[in-house]
Amino acid sequence: MAKVTELVAALAAPIAEQNGCTLWDVEYVREAGQWFLRVYIDKPEGISINDCEAVSRPTRWTRPTPLREAMCWRCPPPAQTAP
């Protein structure tokens, strides 16, 4: 069985690419008693909140129901783009 992060990456990568972004990383971690699923995206000129919305909106319908509350999209600040 595939890991949650692998499943989410397989769903999110094509959506990110369609919006001119790159899927940088996916984490599923437990912090302070809660699970968080984080999807990191980037692009050469930097990410805006509009990019985050464009990539996250379609995935709201594709991700499994138990993960909806844990889903958290992260966009690196302009000065900290992915390598």
Protein backbone atom coordinates (compact mmCIF):
# COMPACT_ATOMS: atom_id res chain seq x y z
CA MET A 1 0.00 0.00 0.00
CA ALA A 2 1.26 3.45 -0.91
CA LYS A 3 2.01 6.07 1.73
CA VAL A 4 -0.35 9.01 2.16
CA THR A 5 2.39 11.35 0.96
CA GLU A 6 2.89 9.32 -2.22
CA LEU A 7 -0.84 9.29 -2.99
CA VAL A 8 -1.17 13.03 -2.42
CA ALA A 9 1.95 13.77 -4.49
CA ALA A 10 0.52 11.72 -7.37
CA LEU A 11 -2.70 13.76 -7.23
CA ALA A 12 -1.15 17.17 -6.63
CA ALA A 13 1.82 17.10 -9.05
CA PRO A 14 -0.21 17.28 -12.28
CA ILE A 15 -2.46 19.99 -10.84
CA ALA A 16 0.58 22.02 -9.79
CA GLU A 17 2.12 21.62 -13.26
CA GLN A 18 -1.13 22.73 -14.96
CA ASN A 19 -0.86 25.94 -12.94
CA GLY A 20 2.80 26.59 -13.79
CA CYS A 21 4.09 25.35 -10.42
CA THR A 22 6.30 22.52 -9.25
CA LEU A 23 5.37 20.17 -6.45
CA TRP A 24 8.28 20.57 -4.07
CA ASP A 25 7.37 18.28 -1.14
CA VAL A 26 4.52 16.56 0.71
CA GLU A 27 4.59 15.91 4.47
CA TYR A 28 2.14 14.09 6.71
CA VAL A 29 3.20 14.80 10.30
CA ARG A 30 1.75 14.75 13.77
CA GLU A 31 2.19 17.94 15.79
CA ALA A 32 0.65 18.77 19.15
CA GLY A 33 -1.70 15.79 18.88
CA GLN A 34 -3.02 16.67 15.41
CA TRP A 35 -2.13 15.34 11.98
CA PHE A 36 -1.13 17.82 9.28
CA LEU A 37 -0.80 17.08 5.59
CA ARG A 38 1.35 19.77 3.99
CA VAL A 39 1.86 20.23 0.28
CA TYR A 40 4.68 22.56 -0.78
CA ILE A 41 4.72 24.17 -4.22
CA ASP A 42 7.09 26.58 -5.91
CA LYS A 43 7.93 28.22 -9.23
CA PRO A 44 10.98 30.21 -10.39
CA GLU A 45 9.40 33.65 -10.04
CA GLY A 46 7.96 32.82 -6.62
CA ILE A 47 4.53 31.79 -5.38
CA SER A 48 1.57 34.03 -4.69
CA ILE A 49 -1.55 33.34 -2.68
CA ASN A 50 -3.35 33.08 -6.03
CA ASP A 51 -1.03 30.22 -7.02
CA CYS A 52 -1.79 28.43 -3.76
CA GLU A 53 -5.51 28.85 -4.37
CA ALA A 54 -5.29 27.71 -8.00
CA VAL A 55 -3.45 24.53 -7.03
CA SER A 56 -5.34 23.73 -3.84
CA ARG A 57 -8.89 24.34 -5.11
CA PRO A 58 -9.05 21.30 -7.48
CA THR A 59 -7.54 18.99 -4.86
CA ARG A 60 -10.38 19.72 -2.43
CA TRP A 61 -12.48 17.29 -4.45
CA THR A 62 -9.82 14.63 -5.04
CA ARG A 63 -8.30 14.09 -1.62
CA PRO A 64 -9.73 11.42 0.70
CA THR A 65 -12.31 12.69 3.20
CA PRO A 66 -10.33 11.87 6.40
CA LEU A 67 -7.48 14.05 5.16
CA ARG A 68 -9.55 17.16 4.41
CA GLU A 69 -9.15 18.64 7.88
CA ALA A 70 -5.41 17.91 7.89
CA MET A 71 -4.67 19.47 4.51
CA CYS A 72 -2.43 22.53 4.72
CA TRP A 73 -0.82 24.19 1.69
CA ARG A 74 2.49 25.98 2.21
CA CYS A 75 3.98 28.52 -0.14
CA PRO A 76 7.59 29.54 0.46
CA PRO A 77 8.07 33.28 1.01
CA PRO A 78 9.50 35.09 -2.04
CA ALA A 79 13.03 35.14 -0.58
CA GLN A 80 12.97 31.40 0.19
CA THR A 81 12.21 29.59 -3.03
CA ALA A 82 13.04 25.91 -3.33
CA PRO A 83 16.42 24.95 -4.78
